[in-house]
Amino acid sequence: MAYNKKNKLLQMRLVVELYKKHKQPGVSTAYVFRTYIEPYYPMSISTLYNYLATPVEKELKQMENEKPQLDLFE
């Protein structure tokens, strides 16, 4: 379970990478979900669809740009 947005996005990236690794033409999304994703990441298939629709890399980059670097001697 993620405790902040960054950790949730990192988890989403792992799930999407796992999906892309096993998804091939002729293999359904439901099969990939039941066989490879659900045993390791307990979630519903609608959550998987939400993960696939989320621009994870874009949001991670945006979070990095928004976070200002703290200066030690200022």
N, C-alpha and C. Protein backbone atom coordinates (compact mmCIF):
# COMPACT_ATOMS: atom_id res chain seq x y z
N MET A 1 0.84 -1.17 0.00
CA MET A 1 0.00 0.00 0.00
C MET A 1 0.89 1.24 0.00
N ALA A 2 0.55 2.18 -0.82
CA ALA A 2 1.33 3.40 -0.93
C ALA A 2 0.90 4.41 0.13
N TYR A 3 1.86 5.14 0.67
CA TYR A 3 1.56 6.11 1.71
C TYR A 3 1.67 7.54 1.20
N ASN A 4 2.20 7.73 0.01
CA ASN A 4 2.19 9.05 -0.59
C ASN A 4 2.08 8.91 -2.10
N LYS A 5 1.90 10.03 -2.78
CA LYS A 5 1.63 9.98 -4.21
C LYS A 5 2.81 9.42 -5.00
N LYS A 6 4.02 9.74 -4.59
CA LYS A 6 5.20 9.25 -5.32
C LYS A 6 5.28 7.73 -5.26
N ASN A 7 5.07 7.17 -4.09
CA ASN A 7 5.11 5.71 -3.96
C ASN A 7 4.00 5.05 -4.76
N LYS A 8 2.84 5.67 -4.79
CA LYS A 8 1.73 5.13 -5.58
C LYS A 8 2.07 5.15 -7.06
N LEU A 9 2.68 6.22 -7.53
CA LEU A 9 3.08 6.31 -8.94
C LEU A 9 4.16 5.28 -9.27
N LEU A 10 5.09 5.04 -8.35
CA LEU A 10 6.12 4.02 -8.58
C LEU A 10 5.50 2.63 -8.65
N GLN A 11 4.51 2.37 -7.80
CA GLN A 11 3.81 1.09 -7.86
C GLN A 11 3.06 0.96 -9.18
N MET A 12 2.42 2.03 -9.61
CA MET A 12 1.71 2.01 -10.88
C MET A 12 2.66 1.72 -12.03
N ARG A 13 3.85 2.30 -11.97
CA ARG A 13 4.84 2.06 -13.03
C ARG A 13 5.25 0.60 -13.06
N LEU A 14 5.43 -0.02 -11.91
CA LEU A 14 5.78 -1.44 -11.86
C LEU A 14 4.68 -2.31 -12.46
N VAL A 15 3.44 -2.01 -12.14
CA VAL A 15 2.32 -2.79 -12.66
C VAL A 15 2.21 -2.62 -14.17
N VAL A 16 2.36 -1.40 -14.66
CA VAL A 16 2.26 -1.16 -16.10
C VAL A 16 3.40 -1.84 -16.85
N GLU A 17 4.61 -1.82 -16.28
CA GLU A 17 5.73 -2.51 -16.92
C GLU A 17 5.49 -4.02 -16.96
N LEU A 18 4.95 -4.57 -15.89
CA LEU A 18 4.64 -6.00 -15.86
C LEU A 18 3.58 -6.34 -16.90
N TYR A 19 2.59 -5.48 -17.04
CA TYR A 19 1.54 -5.68 -18.03
C TYR A 19 2.13 -5.65 -19.45
N LYS A 20 2.94 -4.65 -19.74
CA LYS A 20 3.53 -4.52 -21.07
C LYS A 20 4.48 -5.67 -21.40
N LYS A 21 5.12 -6.22 -20.38
CA LYS A 21 6.03 -7.34 -20.59
C LYS A 21 5.28 -8.58 -21.06
N HIS A 22 4.08 -8.81 -20.54
CA HIS A 22 3.35 -10.04 -20.82
C HIS A 22 2.23 -9.88 -21.85
N LYS A 23 1.87 -8.66 -22.19
CA LYS A 23 0.80 -8.43 -23.16
C LYS A 23 1.33 -8.61 -24.57
N GLN A 24 0.71 -9.52 -25.30
CA GLN A 24 1.07 -9.80 -26.69
C GLN A 24 -0.21 -9.85 -27.51
N PRO A 25 -0.09 -9.73 -28.83
CA PRO A 25 -1.30 -9.86 -29.66
C PRO A 25 -1.93 -11.24 -29.47
N GLY A 26 -3.22 -11.26 -29.28
CA GLY A 26 -3.94 -12.50 -29.07
C GLY A 26 -4.10 -12.88 -27.61
N VAL A 27 -3.44 -12.16 -26.72
CA VAL A 27 -3.55 -12.42 -25.28
C VAL A 27 -4.40 -11.32 -24.68
N SER A 28 -5.47 -11.69 -24.01
CA SER A 28 -6.38 -10.69 -23.47
C SER A 28 -5.81 -10.01 -22.23
N THR A 29 -6.31 -8.82 -21.98
CA THR A 29 -5.90 -8.08 -20.79
C THR A 29 -6.33 -8.81 -19.53
N ALA A 30 -7.52 -9.42 -19.56
CA ALA A 30 -8.01 -10.16 -18.40
C ALA A 30 -7.10 -11.34 -18.07
N TYR A 31 -6.59 -12.02 -19.10
CA TYR A 31 -5.68 -13.15 -18.87
C TYR A 31 -4.38 -12.67 -18.24
N VAL A 32 -3.82 -11.60 -18.78
CA VAL A 32 -2.57 -11.06 -18.22
C VAL A 32 -2.81 -10.62 -16.77
N PHE A 33 -3.95 -10.01 -16.52
CA PHE A 33 -4.27 -9.56 -15.17
C PHE A 33 -4.36 -10.74 -14.20
N ARG A 34 -5.15 -11.74 -14.56
CA ARG A 34 -5.36 -12.88 -13.65
C ARG A 34 -4.09 -13.71 -13.45
N THR A 35 -3.29 -13.85 -14.50
CA THR A 35 -2.14 -14.74 -14.43
C THR A 35 -0.90 -14.08 -13.84
N TYR A 36 -0.62 -12.84 -14.21
CA TYR A 36 0.66 -12.23 -13.86
C TYR A 36 0.57 -11.08 -12.86
N ILE A 37 -0.52 -10.35 -12.85
CA ILE A 37 -0.58 -9.15 -12.01
C ILE A 37 -1.28 -9.41 -10.69
N GLU A 38 -2.47 -9.99 -10.74
CA GLU A 38 -3.27 -10.16 -9.52
C GLU A 38 -2.59 -10.99 -8.43
N PRO A 39 -1.84 -12.04 -8.75
CA PRO A 39 -1.18 -12.78 -7.66
C PRO A 39 -0.16 -11.96 -6.88
N TYR A 40 0.44 -10.95 -7.50
CA TYR A 40 1.48 -10.16 -6.84
C TYR A 40 0.99 -8.81 -6.35
N TYR A 41 0.03 -8.24 -7.07
CA TYR A 41 -0.54 -6.95 -6.70
C TYR A 41 -2.05 -7.12 -6.60
N PRO A 42 -2.58 -7.40 -5.43
CA PRO A 42 -4.02 -7.60 -5.29
C PRO A 42 -4.78 -6.31 -5.59
N MET A 43 -5.55 -6.34 -6.66
CA MET A 43 -6.35 -5.20 -7.09
C MET A 43 -7.43 -5.71 -8.02
N SER A 44 -8.35 -4.84 -8.37
CA SER A 44 -9.38 -5.22 -9.33
C SER A 44 -8.91 -4.87 -10.74
N ILE A 45 -9.59 -5.43 -11.73
CA ILE A 45 -9.21 -5.16 -13.10
C ILE A 45 -9.50 -3.71 -13.47
N SER A 46 -10.51 -3.10 -12.84
CA SER A 46 -10.78 -1.69 -13.11
C SER A 46 -9.63 -0.81 -12.60
N THR A 47 -8.99 -1.21 -11.52
CA THR A 47 -7.82 -0.48 -11.03
C THR A 47 -6.68 -0.60 -12.03
N LEU A 48 -6.52 -1.78 -12.62
CA LEU A 48 -5.50 -1.96 -13.65
C LEU A 48 -5.77 -1.02 -14.82
N TYR A 49 -7.02 -0.92 -15.26
CA TYR A 49 -7.36 -0.01 -16.35
C TYR A 49 -7.04 1.44 -15.98
N ASN A 50 -7.29 1.82 -14.73
CA ASN A 50 -6.94 3.17 -14.28
C ASN A 50 -5.43 3.38 -14.32
N TYR A 51 -4.66 2.38 -13.91
CA TYR A 51 -3.20 2.47 -13.95
C TYR A 51 -2.72 2.62 -15.39
N LEU A 52 -3.31 1.87 -16.31
CA LEU A 52 -2.89 1.93 -17.71
C LEU A 52 -3.23 3.28 -18.33
N ALA A 53 -4.27 3.94 -17.84
CA ALA A 53 -4.69 5.23 -18.40
C ALA A 53 -3.95 6.41 -17.78
N THR A 54 -3.18 6.17 -16.73
CA THR A 54 -2.48 7.25 -16.04
C THR A 54 -1.12 7.50 -16.68
N PRO A 55 -0.79 8.74 -17.00
CA PRO A 55 0.55 9.05 -17.53
C PRO A 55 1.57 9.12 -16.39
N VAL A 56 2.05 7.96 -15.98
CA VAL A 56 2.88 7.85 -14.78
C VAL A 56 4.19 8.62 -14.92
N GLU A 57 4.90 8.42 -16.02
CA GLU A 57 6.19 9.08 -16.19
C GLU A 57 6.04 10.61 -16.19
N LYS A 58 5.01 11.10 -16.83
CA LYS A 58 4.76 12.54 -16.86
C LYS A 58 4.52 13.08 -15.46
N GLU A 59 3.73 12.37 -14.67
CA GLU A 59 3.43 12.84 -13.31
C GLU A 59 4.65 12.75 -12.41
N LEU A 60 5.49 11.72 -12.59
CA LEU A 60 6.71 11.63 -11.79
C LEU A 60 7.66 12.77 -12.11
N LYS A 61 7.82 13.09 -13.39
CA LYS A 61 8.67 14.22 -13.78
C LYS A 61 8.13 15.53 -13.24
N GLN A 62 6.82 15.68 -13.25
CA GLN A 62 6.20 16.89 -12.74
C GLN A 62 6.44 17.02 -11.24
N MET A 63 6.38 15.91 -10.52
CA MET A 63 6.64 15.95 -9.08
C MET A 63 8.08 16.33 -8.79
N GLU A 64 9.02 15.83 -9.61
CA GLU A 64 10.42 16.17 -9.41
C GLU A 64 10.67 17.65 -9.66
N ASN A 65 9.99 18.22 -10.66
CA ASN A 65 10.18 19.64 -10.97
C ASN A 65 9.53 20.54 -9.94
N GLU A 66 8.46 20.11 -9.33
CA GLU A 66 7.77 20.93 -8.34
C GLU A 66 8.50 20.96 -7.01
N LYS A 67 9.24 19.93 -6.72
CA LYS A 67 9.90 19.84 -5.42
C LYS A 67 11.17 20.68 -5.43
N PRO A 68 11.19 21.77 -4.69
CA PRO A 68 12.39 22.62 -4.70
C PRO A 68 13.50 22.00 -3.85
N GLN A 69 14.71 22.23 -4.29
CA GLN A 69 15.87 21.74 -3.55
C GLN A 69 16.11 22.67 -2.36
N LEU A 70 16.24 22.13 -1.19
CA LEU A 70 16.50 22.93 -0.01
C LEU A 70 17.99 23.25 0.07
N ASP A 71 18.29 24.50 0.40
CA ASP A 71 19.68 24.90 0.55
C ASP A 71 20.08 24.77 2.02
N LEU A 72 21.28 24.27 2.22
CA LEU A 72 21.73 24.01 3.58
C LEU A 72 22.18 25.30 4.27
N PHE A 73 22.85 26.20 3.54
CA PHE A 73 23.43 27.38 4.16
C PHE A 73 22.74 28.66 3.76
N GLU A 74 21.47 28.63 3.62
CA GLU A 74 20.77 29.84 3.23
C GLU A 74 20.00 30.43 4.37
